All heavy atoms as atom14 arrays in JSON, in Angstrom:
{
  "sequence": "MKKEGILESKKGKGGGYFLAREASDIVLADVMRLIEGPISLLPCVS",
  "atom14_mask": [
    [1, 1, 1, 1, 1, 1, 1, 1, 0, 0, 0, 0, 0, 0],
    [1, 1, 1, 1, 1, 1, 1, 1, 1, 0, 0, 0, 0, 0],
    [1, 1, 1, 1, 1, 1, 1, 1, 1, 0, 0, 0, 0, 0],
    [1, 1, 1, 1, 1, 1, 1, 1, 1, 0, 0, 0, 0, 0],
    [1, 1, 1, 1, 0, 0, 0, 0, 0, 0, 0, 0, 0, 0],
    [1, 1, 1, 1, 1, 1, 1, 1, 0, 0, 0, 0, 0, 0],
    [1, 1, 1, 1, 1, 1, 1, 1, 0, 0, 0, 0, 0, 0],
    [1, 1, 1, 1, 1, 1, 1, 1, 1, 0, 0, 0, 0, 0],
    [1, 1, 1, 1, 1, 1, 0, 0, 0, 0, 0, 0, 0, 0],
    [1, 1, 1, 1, 1, 1, 1, 1, 1, 0, 0, 0, 0, 0],
    [1, 1, 1, 1, 1, 1, 1, 1, 1, 0, 0, 0, 0, 0],
    [1, 1, 1, 1, 0, 0, 0, 0, 0, 0, 0, 0, 0, 0],
    [1, 1, 1, 1, 1, 1, 1, 1, 1, 0, 0, 0, 0, 0],
    [1, 1, 1, 1, 0, 0, 0, 0, 0, 0, 0, 0, 0, 0],
    [1, 1, 1, 1, 0, 0, 0, 0, 0, 0, 0, 0, 0, 0],
    [1, 1, 1, 1, 0, 0, 0, 0, 0, 0, 0, 0, 0, 0],
    [1, 1, 1, 1, 1, 1, 1, 1, 1, 1, 1, 1, 0, 0],
    [1, 1, 1, 1, 1, 1, 1, 1, 1, 1, 1, 0, 0, 0],
    [1, 1, 1, 1, 1, 1, 1, 1, 0, 0, 0, 0, 0, 0],
    [1, 1, 1, 1, 1, 0, 0, 0, 0, 0, 0, 0, 0, 0],
    [1, 1, 1, 1, 1, 1, 1, 1, 1, 1, 1, 0, 0, 0],
    [1, 1, 1, 1, 1, 1, 1, 1, 1, 0, 0, 0, 0, 0],
    [1, 1, 1, 1, 1, 0, 0, 0, 0, 0, 0, 0, 0, 0],
    [1, 1, 1, 1, 1, 1, 0, 0, 0, 0, 0, 0, 0, 0],
    [1, 1, 1, 1, 1, 1, 1, 1, 0, 0, 0, 0, 0, 0],
    [1, 1, 1, 1, 1, 1, 1, 1, 0, 0, 0, 0, 0, 0],
    [1, 1, 1, 1, 1, 1, 1, 0, 0, 0, 0, 0, 0, 0],
    [1, 1, 1, 1, 1, 1, 1, 1, 0, 0, 0, 0, 0, 0],
    [1, 1, 1, 1, 1, 0, 0, 0, 0, 0, 0, 0, 0, 0],
    [1, 1, 1, 1, 1, 1, 1, 1, 0, 0, 0, 0, 0, 0],
    [1, 1, 1, 1, 1, 1, 1, 0, 0, 0, 0, 0, 0, 0],
    [1, 1, 1, 1, 1, 1, 1, 1, 0, 0, 0, 0, 0, 0],
    [1, 1, 1, 1, 1, 1, 1, 1, 1, 1, 1, 0, 0, 0],
    [1, 1, 1, 1, 1, 1, 1, 1, 0, 0, 0, 0, 0, 0],
    [1, 1, 1, 1, 1, 1, 1, 1, 0, 0, 0, 0, 0, 0],
    [1, 1, 1, 1, 1, 1, 1, 1, 1, 0, 0, 0, 0, 0],
    [1, 1, 1, 1, 0, 0, 0, 0, 0, 0, 0, 0, 0, 0],
    [1, 1, 1, 1, 1, 1, 1, 0, 0, 0, 0, 0, 0, 0],
    [1, 1, 1, 1, 1, 1, 1, 1, 0, 0, 0, 0, 0, 0],
    [1, 1, 1, 1, 1, 1, 0, 0, 0, 0, 0, 0, 0, 0],
    [1, 1, 1, 1, 1, 1, 1, 1, 0, 0, 0, 0, 0, 0],
    [1, 1, 1, 1, 1, 1, 1, 1, 0, 0, 0, 0, 0, 0],
    [1, 1, 1, 1, 1, 1, 1, 0, 0, 0, 0, 0, 0, 0],
    [1, 1, 1, 1, 1, 1, 0, 0, 0, 0, 0, 0, 0, 0],
    [1, 1, 1, 1, 1, 1, 1, 0, 0, 0, 0, 0, 0, 0],
    [1, 1, 1, 1, 1, 1, 0, 0, 0, 0, 0, 0, 0, 0]
  ],
  "atom14_positions": [
    [[0.69, 12.6, 2.73], [1.92, 11.91, 3.14], [2.96, 12.91, 3.63], [3.76, 12.59, 4.5], [2.44, 11.04, 2.0], [1.54, 9.84, 1.74], [2.27, 8.55, 0.71], [2.27, 9.34, -0.89], [0.0, 0.0, 0.0], [0.0, 0.0, 0.0], [0.0, 0.0, 0.0], [0.0, 0.0, 0.0], [0.0, 0.0, 0.0], [0.0, 0.0, 0.0]],
    [[2.94, 14.12, 3.1], [3.86, 15.15, 3.58], [3.5, 15.56, 5.01], [4.37, 15.67, 5.87], [3.83, 16.36, 2.66], [4.78, 17.46, 3.11], [4.7, 18.68, 2.25], [5.61, 19.76, 2.84], [5.41, 21.04, 2.23], [0.0, 0.0, 0.0], [0.0, 0.0, 0.0], [0.0, 0.0, 0.0], [0.0, 0.0, 0.0], [0.0, 0.0, 0.0]],
    [[2.22, 15.75, 5.26], [1.77, 16.13, 6.61], [2.14, 15.07, 7.64], [2.38, 15.39, 8.8], [0.26, 16.35, 6.63], [-0.18, 17.62, 5.94], [-1.7, 17.75, 5.97], [-2.16, 18.96, 5.21], [-3.64, 19.03, 5.11], [0.0, 0.0, 0.0], [0.0, 0.0, 0.0], [0.0, 0.0, 0.0], [0.0, 0.0, 0.0], [0.0, 0.0, 0.0]],
    [[2.19, 13.82, 7.2], [2.5, 12.72, 8.1], [4.01, 12.47, 8.22], [4.45, 11.62, 8.98], [1.78, 11.46, 7.62], [1.6, 10.39, 8.63], [0.78, 10.81, 9.85], [-0.12, 11.66, 9.73], [1.07, 10.28, 10.94], [0.0, 0.0, 0.0], [0.0, 0.0, 0.0], [0.0, 0.0, 0.0], [0.0, 0.0, 0.0], [0.0, 0.0, 0.0]],
    [[4.83, 13.2, 7.45], [6.28, 13.06, 7.55], [6.86, 11.96, 6.7], [8.03, 11.6, 6.86], [0.0, 0.0, 0.0], [0.0, 0.0, 0.0], [0.0, 0.0, 0.0], [0.0, 0.0, 0.0], [0.0, 0.0, 0.0], [0.0, 0.0, 0.0], [0.0, 0.0, 0.0], [0.0, 0.0, 0.0], [0.0, 0.0, 0.0], [0.0, 0.0, 0.0]],
    [[6.08, 11.43, 5.79], [6.58, 10.4, 4.88], [7.32, 11.05, 3.72], [8.33, 10.52, 3.24], [5.42, 9.51, 4.37], [4.8, 8.75, 5.54], [5.87, 8.56, 3.27], [3.51, 8.03, 5.22], [0.0, 0.0, 0.0], [0.0, 0.0, 0.0], [0.0, 0.0, 0.0], [0.0, 0.0, 0.0], [0.0, 0.0, 0.0], [0.0, 0.0, 0.0]],
    [[6.81, 12.19, 3.28], [7.42, 12.94, 2.19], [7.82, 14.33, 2.65], [7.31, 14.83, 3.66], [6.43, 13.09, 1.02], [5.94, 11.84, 0.33], [4.93, 12.18, -0.75], [7.1, 11.04, -0.25], [0.0, 0.0, 0.0], [0.0, 0.0, 0.0], [0.0, 0.0, 0.0], [0.0, 0.0, 0.0], [0.0, 0.0, 0.0], [0.0, 0.0, 0.0]],
    [[8.7, 14.94, 1.87], [9.03, 16.35, 2.03], [8.94, 16.97, 0.65], [8.92, 16.27, -0.36], [10.43, 16.53, 2.6], [10.52, 16.13, 4.07], [11.85, 16.49, 4.69], [12.55, 17.37, 4.17], [12.18, 15.87, 5.7], [0.0, 0.0, 0.0], [0.0, 0.0, 0.0], [0.0, 0.0, 0.0], [0.0, 0.0, 0.0], [0.0, 0.0, 0.0]],
    [[8.88, 18.29, 0.62], [8.83, 18.97, -0.68], [9.75, 20.18, -0.65], [10.08, 20.7, 0.42], [7.41, 19.39, -1.02], [6.95, 20.37, -0.12], [0.0, 0.0, 0.0], [0.0, 0.0, 0.0], [0.0, 0.0, 0.0], [0.0, 0.0, 0.0], [0.0, 0.0, 0.0], [0.0, 0.0, 0.0], [0.0, 0.0, 0.0], [0.0, 0.0, 0.0]],
    [[10.12, 20.59, -1.83], [10.95, 21.77, -2.01], [10.25, 22.65, -3.04], [9.8, 22.15, -4.08], [12.33, 21.36, -2.51], [13.27, 22.51, -2.72], [14.62, 22.01, -3.23], [15.49, 23.18, -3.63], [16.68, 22.77, -4.35], [0.0, 0.0, 0.0], [0.0, 0.0, 0.0], [0.0, 0.0, 0.0], [0.0, 0.0, 0.0], [0.0, 0.0, 0.0]],
    [[10.13, 23.92, -2.74], [9.46, 24.85, -3.66], [10.48, 25.49, -4.6], [11.67, 25.48, -4.34], [8.74, 25.94, -2.87], [7.57, 25.42, -2.08], [6.83, 26.54, -1.38], [5.67, 25.95, -0.61], [4.84, 26.95, 0.03], [0.0, 0.0, 0.0], [0.0, 0.0, 0.0], [0.0, 0.0, 0.0], [0.0, 0.0, 0.0], [0.0, 0.0, 0.0]],
    [[9.94, 26.05, -5.67], [10.78, 26.8, -6.59], [11.46, 25.93, -7.63], [11.16, 24.75, -7.81], [0.0, 0.0, 0.0], [0.0, 0.0, 0.0], [0.0, 0.0, 0.0], [0.0, 0.0, 0.0], [0.0, 0.0, 0.0], [0.0, 0.0, 0.0], [0.0, 0.0, 0.0], [0.0, 0.0, 0.0], [0.0, 0.0, 0.0], [0.0, 0.0, 0.0]],
    [[12.44, 26.56, -8.31], [13.18, 25.86, -9.36], [13.91, 24.66, -8.74], [14.56, 24.77, -7.72], [14.18, 26.81, -10.01], [14.9, 26.19, -11.17], [15.79, 27.17, -11.88], [16.58, 26.39, -12.89], [16.79, 27.03, -14.12], [0.0, 0.0, 0.0], [0.0, 0.0, 0.0], [0.0, 0.0, 0.0], [0.0, 0.0, 0.0], [0.0, 0.0, 0.0]],
    [[13.8, 23.53, -9.4], [14.41, 22.3, -8.88], [13.6, 21.7, -7.74], [14.07, 20.83, -7.02], [0.0, 0.0, 0.0], [0.0, 0.0, 0.0], [0.0, 0.0, 0.0], [0.0, 0.0, 0.0], [0.0, 0.0, 0.0], [0.0, 0.0, 0.0], [0.0, 0.0, 0.0], [0.0, 0.0, 0.0], [0.0, 0.0, 0.0], [0.0, 0.0, 0.0]],
    [[12.37, 22.17, -7.58], [11.52, 21.7, -6.49], [10.74, 20.46, -6.86], [10.81, 19.94, -7.96], [0.0, 0.0, 0.0], [0.0, 0.0, 0.0], [0.0, 0.0, 0.0], [0.0, 0.0, 0.0], [0.0, 0.0, 0.0], [0.0, 0.0, 0.0], [0.0, 0.0, 0.0], [0.0, 0.0, 0.0], [0.0, 0.0, 0.0], [0.0, 0.0, 0.0]],
    [[9.98, 20.0, -5.89], [9.15, 18.81, -6.07], [9.09, 18.03, -4.78], [9.43, 18.54, -3.7], [0.0, 0.0, 0.0], [0.0, 0.0, 0.0], [0.0, 0.0, 0.0], [0.0, 0.0, 0.0], [0.0, 0.0, 0.0], [0.0, 0.0, 0.0], [0.0, 0.0, 0.0], [0.0, 0.0, 0.0], [0.0, 0.0, 0.0], [0.0, 0.0, 0.0]],
    [[8.67, 16.8, -4.88], [8.55, 15.92, -3.71], [9.69, 14.92, -3.66], [10.24, 14.52, -4.68], [7.22, 15.15, -3.75], [6.06, 15.96, -3.23], [5.3, 16.75, -4.07], [5.74, 15.94, -1.87], [4.23, 17.48, -3.59], [4.67, 16.67, -1.38], [3.93, 17.44, -2.24], [2.87, 18.17, -1.76], [0.0, 0.0, 0.0], [0.0, 0.0, 0.0]],
    [[10.02, 14.5, -2.44], [11.02, 13.46, -2.23], [10.72, 12.77, -0.91], [9.97, 13.29, -0.07], [12.44, 14.03, -2.27], [12.7, 15.16, -1.29], [13.28, 14.92, -0.06], [12.34, 16.47, -1.62], [13.52, 15.96, 0.84], [12.58, 17.51, -0.74], [13.16, 17.26, 0.5], [0.0, 0.0, 0.0], [0.0, 0.0, 0.0], [0.0, 0.0, 0.0]],
    [[11.28, 11.58, -0.72], [11.06, 10.82, 0.51], [11.69, 11.55, 1.69], [12.83, 12.0, 1.6], [11.64, 9.42, 0.41], [11.09, 8.51, -0.69], [11.8, 7.15, -0.66], [9.59, 8.32, -0.56], [0.0, 0.0, 0.0], [0.0, 0.0, 0.0], [0.0, 0.0, 0.0], [0.0, 0.0, 0.0], [0.0, 0.0, 0.0], [0.0, 0.0, 0.0]],
    [[10.97, 11.63, 2.8], [11.48, 12.28, 4.0], [12.43, 11.37, 4.76], [13.23, 11.83, 5.57], [10.32, 12.69, 4.91], [0.0, 0.0, 0.0], [0.0, 0.0, 0.0], [0.0, 0.0, 0.0], [0.0, 0.0, 0.0], [0.0, 0.0, 0.0], [0.0, 0.0, 0.0], [0.0, 0.0, 0.0], [0.0, 0.0, 0.0], [0.0, 0.0, 0.0]],
    [[12.34, 10.08, 4.5], [13.24, 9.1, 5.13], [13.5, 7.99, 4.14], [12.92, 7.96, 3.06], [12.65, 8.6, 6.44], [11.23, 8.1, 6.34], [10.67, 7.81, 7.73], [9.43, 7.1, 7.64], [8.27, 7.54, 8.08], [8.19, 8.7, 8.65], [7.19, 6.82, 7.97], [0.0, 0.0, 0.0], [0.0, 0.0, 0.0], [0.0, 0.0, 0.0]],
    [[14.37, 7.11, 4.5], [14.73, 6.0, 3.61], [13.5, 5.14, 3.3], [12.64, 4.94, 4.16], [15.82, 5.14, 4.24], [17.15, 5.82, 4.41], [17.76, 6.22, 3.08], [17.71, 5.42, 2.12], [18.3, 7.34, 2.99], [0.0, 0.0, 0.0], [0.0, 0.0, 0.0], [0.0, 0.0, 0.0], [0.0, 0.0, 0.0], [0.0, 0.0, 0.0]],
    [[13.45, 4.61, 2.09], [12.35, 3.73, 1.69], [12.26, 2.52, 2.61], [11.17, 2.0, 2.86], [12.53, 3.29, 0.24], [0.0, 0.0, 0.0], [0.0, 0.0, 0.0], [0.0, 0.0, 0.0], [0.0, 0.0, 0.0], [0.0, 0.0, 0.0], [0.0, 0.0, 0.0], [0.0, 0.0, 0.0], [0.0, 0.0, 0.0], [0.0, 0.0, 0.0]],
    [[13.38, 2.09, 3.14], [13.4, 0.94, 4.05], [12.8, 1.27, 5.42], [12.58, 0.37, 6.22], [14.83, 0.43, 4.22], [15.65, 1.45, 4.74], [0.0, 0.0, 0.0], [0.0, 0.0, 0.0], [0.0, 0.0, 0.0], [0.0, 0.0, 0.0], [0.0, 0.0, 0.0], [0.0, 0.0, 0.0], [0.0, 0.0, 0.0], [0.0, 0.0, 0.0]],
    [[12.53, 2.54, 5.68], [11.92, 2.96, 6.95], [10.45, 3.32, 6.81], [9.81, 3.72, 7.78], [12.68, 4.15, 7.52], [14.1, 3.8, 7.93], [14.35, 2.63, 8.3], [14.97, 4.69, 7.85], [0.0, 0.0, 0.0], [0.0, 0.0, 0.0], [0.0, 0.0, 0.0], [0.0, 0.0, 0.0], [0.0, 0.0, 0.0], [0.0, 0.0, 0.0]],
    [[9.9, 3.21, 5.61], [8.49, 3.54, 5.38], [7.71, 2.22, 5.33], [7.76, 1.49, 4.34], [8.3, 4.35, 4.08], [9.13, 5.64, 4.15], [6.82, 4.66, 3.87], [9.16, 6.42, 2.85], [0.0, 0.0, 0.0], [0.0, 0.0, 0.0], [0.0, 0.0, 0.0], [0.0, 0.0, 0.0], [0.0, 0.0, 0.0], [0.0, 0.0, 0.0]],
    [[7.01, 1.93, 6.41], [6.31, 0.66, 6.6], [4.96, 0.7, 5.87], [4.21, 1.68, 5.97], [6.12, 0.39, 8.11], [5.34, -0.89, 8.36], [7.47, 0.34, 8.81], [0.0, 0.0, 0.0], [0.0, 0.0, 0.0], [0.0, 0.0, 0.0], [0.0, 0.0, 0.0], [0.0, 0.0, 0.0], [0.0, 0.0, 0.0], [0.0, 0.0, 0.0]],
    [[4.66, -0.37, 5.15], [3.42, -0.43, 4.37], [2.18, -0.25, 5.23], [1.24, 0.44, 4.83], [3.33, -1.75, 3.6], [4.45, -2.05, 2.6], [4.14, -3.32, 1.82], [4.7, -0.88, 1.67], [0.0, 0.0, 0.0], [0.0, 0.0, 0.0], [0.0, 0.0, 0.0], [0.0, 0.0, 0.0], [0.0, 0.0, 0.0], [0.0, 0.0, 0.0]],
    [[2.16, -0.84, 6.42], [0.99, -0.71, 7.3], [0.74, 0.75, 7.66], [-0.41, 1.18, 7.74], [1.18, -1.55, 8.56], [0.0, 0.0, 0.0], [0.0, 0.0, 0.0], [0.0, 0.0, 0.0], [0.0, 0.0, 0.0], [0.0, 0.0, 0.0], [0.0, 0.0, 0.0], [0.0, 0.0, 0.0], [0.0, 0.0, 0.0], [0.0, 0.0, 0.0]],
    [[1.8, 1.52, 7.88], [1.63, 2.93, 8.23], [1.02, 3.73, 7.08], [0.15, 4.58, 7.3], [2.98, 3.56, 8.62], [3.56, 2.96, 9.89], [2.79, 2.36, 10.68], [4.78, 3.08, 10.08], [0.0, 0.0, 0.0], [0.0, 0.0, 0.0], [0.0, 0.0, 0.0], [0.0, 0.0, 0.0], [0.0, 0.0, 0.0], [0.0, 0.0, 0.0]],
    [[1.45, 3.45, 5.87], [0.91, 4.14, 4.7], [-0.56, 3.75, 4.52], [-1.42, 4.61, 4.29], [1.71, 3.81, 3.42], [1.08, 4.44, 2.19], [3.16, 4.27, 3.58], [0.0, 0.0, 0.0], [0.0, 0.0, 0.0], [0.0, 0.0, 0.0], [0.0, 0.0, 0.0], [0.0, 0.0, 0.0], [0.0, 0.0, 0.0], [0.0, 0.0, 0.0]],
    [[-0.85, 2.48, 4.67], [-2.24, 2.03, 4.52], [-3.15, 2.68, 5.55], [-4.24, 3.12, 5.21], [-2.32, 0.51, 4.61], [-1.79, -0.18, 3.37], [-1.91, -1.97, 3.45], [-3.68, -2.19, 3.46], [0.0, 0.0, 0.0], [0.0, 0.0, 0.0], [0.0, 0.0, 0.0], [0.0, 0.0, 0.0], [0.0, 0.0, 0.0], [0.0, 0.0, 0.0]],
    [[-2.7, 2.73, 6.8], [-3.53, 3.36, 7.84], [-3.75, 4.84, 7.56], [-4.83, 5.37, 7.8], [-2.88, 3.18, 9.21], [-3.04, 1.81, 9.78], [-2.54, 1.73, 11.22], [-2.57, 0.37, 11.67], [-1.49, -0.39, 11.86], [-0.28, 0.09, 11.64], [-1.61, -1.62, 12.27], [0.0, 0.0, 0.0], [0.0, 0.0, 0.0], [0.0, 0.0, 0.0]],
    [[-2.73, 5.5, 7.06], [-2.85, 6.92, 6.75], [-3.87, 7.16, 5.64], [-4.75, 8.01, 5.76], [-1.49, 7.49, 6.32], [-1.51, 8.91, 5.76], [-1.93, 9.9, 6.84], [-0.16, 9.27, 5.18], [0.0, 0.0, 0.0], [0.0, 0.0, 0.0], [0.0, 0.0, 0.0], [0.0, 0.0, 0.0], [0.0, 0.0, 0.0], [0.0, 0.0, 0.0]],
    [[-3.79, 6.4, 4.58], [-4.63, 6.62, 3.41], [-5.99, 5.93, 3.55], [-7.02, 6.51, 3.25], [-3.92, 6.13, 2.12], [-2.55, 6.79, 1.95], [-4.8, 6.36, 0.9], [-2.57, 8.28, 1.74], [0.0, 0.0, 0.0], [0.0, 0.0, 0.0], [0.0, 0.0, 0.0], [0.0, 0.0, 0.0], [0.0, 0.0, 0.0], [0.0, 0.0, 0.0]],
    [[-5.98, 4.7, 3.99], [-7.18, 3.86, 4.04], [-7.95, 3.99, 5.35], [-9.15, 3.8, 5.36], [-6.75, 2.4, 3.99], [-6.82, 1.5, 2.87], [-7.7, 1.66, 1.7], [-8.89, 1.35, 1.8], [-7.21, 2.04, 0.66], [0.0, 0.0, 0.0], [0.0, 0.0, 0.0], [0.0, 0.0, 0.0], [0.0, 0.0, 0.0], [0.0, 0.0, 0.0]],
    [[-7.22, 4.17, 6.44], [-7.84, 4.05, 7.76], [-7.53, 2.66, 8.3], [-6.44, 2.15, 8.08], [0.0, 0.0, 0.0], [0.0, 0.0, 0.0], [0.0, 0.0, 0.0], [0.0, 0.0, 0.0], [0.0, 0.0, 0.0], [0.0, 0.0, 0.0], [0.0, 0.0, 0.0], [0.0, 0.0, 0.0], [0.0, 0.0, 0.0], [0.0, 0.0, 0.0]],
    [[-8.49, 2.04, 8.97], [-8.23, 0.72, 9.58], [-7.85, -0.35, 8.56], [-8.4, -0.37, 7.45], [-9.56, 0.36, 10.23], [-10.35, 1.6, 10.29], [-9.85, 2.5, 9.22], [0.0, 0.0, 0.0], [0.0, 0.0, 0.0], [0.0, 0.0, 0.0], [0.0, 0.0, 0.0], [0.0, 0.0, 0.0], [0.0, 0.0, 0.0], [0.0, 0.0, 0.0]],
    [[-6.95, -1.22, 8.96], [-6.57, -2.36, 8.12], [-7.54, -3.52, 8.36], [-7.82, -4.28, 7.46], [-5.11, -2.78, 8.42], [-4.18, -1.67, 7.91], [-4.77, -4.12, 7.8], [-2.73, -1.85, 8.28], [0.0, 0.0, 0.0], [0.0, 0.0, 0.0], [0.0, 0.0, 0.0], [0.0, 0.0, 0.0], [0.0, 0.0, 0.0], [0.0, 0.0, 0.0]],
    [[-8.06, -3.61, 9.57], [-8.97, -4.71, 9.89], [-10.32, -4.56, 9.19], [-10.71, -3.46, 8.8], [-9.17, -4.82, 11.4], [-9.39, -3.56, 11.96], [0.0, 0.0, 0.0], [0.0, 0.0, 0.0], [0.0, 0.0, 0.0], [0.0, 0.0, 0.0], [0.0, 0.0, 0.0], [0.0, 0.0, 0.0], [0.0, 0.0, 0.0], [0.0, 0.0, 0.0]],
    [[-11.01, -5.69, 9.04], [-12.26, -5.71, 8.29], [-13.48, -5.31, 9.11], [-14.52, -4.98, 8.55], [-12.48, -7.11, 7.69], [-11.4, -7.56, 6.7], [-11.63, -9.0, 6.27], [-11.37, -6.63, 5.5], [0.0, 0.0, 0.0], [0.0, 0.0, 0.0], [0.0, 0.0, 0.0], [0.0, 0.0, 0.0], [0.0, 0.0, 0.0], [0.0, 0.0, 0.0]],
    [[-13.37, -5.34, 10.42], [-14.44, -4.89, 11.32], [-13.85, -3.9, 12.32], [-12.72, -4.07, 12.77], [-15.04, -6.06, 12.11], [-15.97, -7.01, 11.38], [-16.39, -8.15, 12.32], [-17.2, -6.29, 10.87], [0.0, 0.0, 0.0], [0.0, 0.0, 0.0], [0.0, 0.0, 0.0], [0.0, 0.0, 0.0], [0.0, 0.0, 0.0], [0.0, 0.0, 0.0]],
    [[-14.62, -2.89, 12.7], [-14.1, -1.91, 13.67], [-13.77, -2.52, 15.04], [-12.88, -2.06, 15.73], [-15.2, -0.86, 13.77], [-16.43, -1.48, 13.21], [-15.97, -2.56, 12.26], [0.0, 0.0, 0.0], [0.0, 0.0, 0.0], [0.0, 0.0, 0.0], [0.0, 0.0, 0.0], [0.0, 0.0, 0.0], [0.0, 0.0, 0.0], [0.0, 0.0, 0.0]],
    [[-14.47, -3.6, 15.41], [-14.26, -4.2, 16.73], [-12.97, -5.02, 16.82], [-12.59, -5.46, 17.9], [-15.45, -5.05, 17.14], [-15.68, -6.54, 16.14], [0.0, 0.0, 0.0], [0.0, 0.0, 0.0], [0.0, 0.0, 0.0], [0.0, 0.0, 0.0], [0.0, 0.0, 0.0], [0.0, 0.0, 0.0], [0.0, 0.0, 0.0], [0.0, 0.0, 0.0]],
    [[-12.27, -5.21, 15.71], [-11.0, -5.94, 15.76], [-9.81, -5.03, 15.42], [-8.67, -5.48, 15.38], [-10.99, -7.19, 14.83], [-12.07, -8.15, 15.23], [-11.1, -6.82, 13.38], [0.0, 0.0, 0.0], [0.0, 0.0, 0.0], [0.0, 0.0, 0.0], [0.0, 0.0, 0.0], [0.0, 0.0, 0.0], [0.0, 0.0, 0.0], [0.0, 0.0, 0.0]],
    [[-10.08, -3.76, 15.22], [-9.01, -2.82, 14.85], [-8.14, -2.48, 16.05], [-8.64, -2.24, 17.15], [-9.64, -1.53, 14.3], [-8.62, -0.62, 13.97], [0.0, 0.0, 0.0], [0.0, 0.0, 0.0], [0.0, 0.0, 0.0], [0.0, 0.0, 0.0], [0.0, 0.0, 0.0], [0.0, 0.0, 0.0], [0.0, 0.0, 0.0], [0.0, 0.0, 0.0]]
  ]
}
């Protein structure tokens, strides 16, 4: 998700992960496609 620009991270003390943009701008379909791949049930309808 970081590589895709959904998250960002900070190294060192006080570091960790955080949202790269507002939660209202992170669309569920985009996350599903990134992690799952196609949303459709057959490749010919994707």
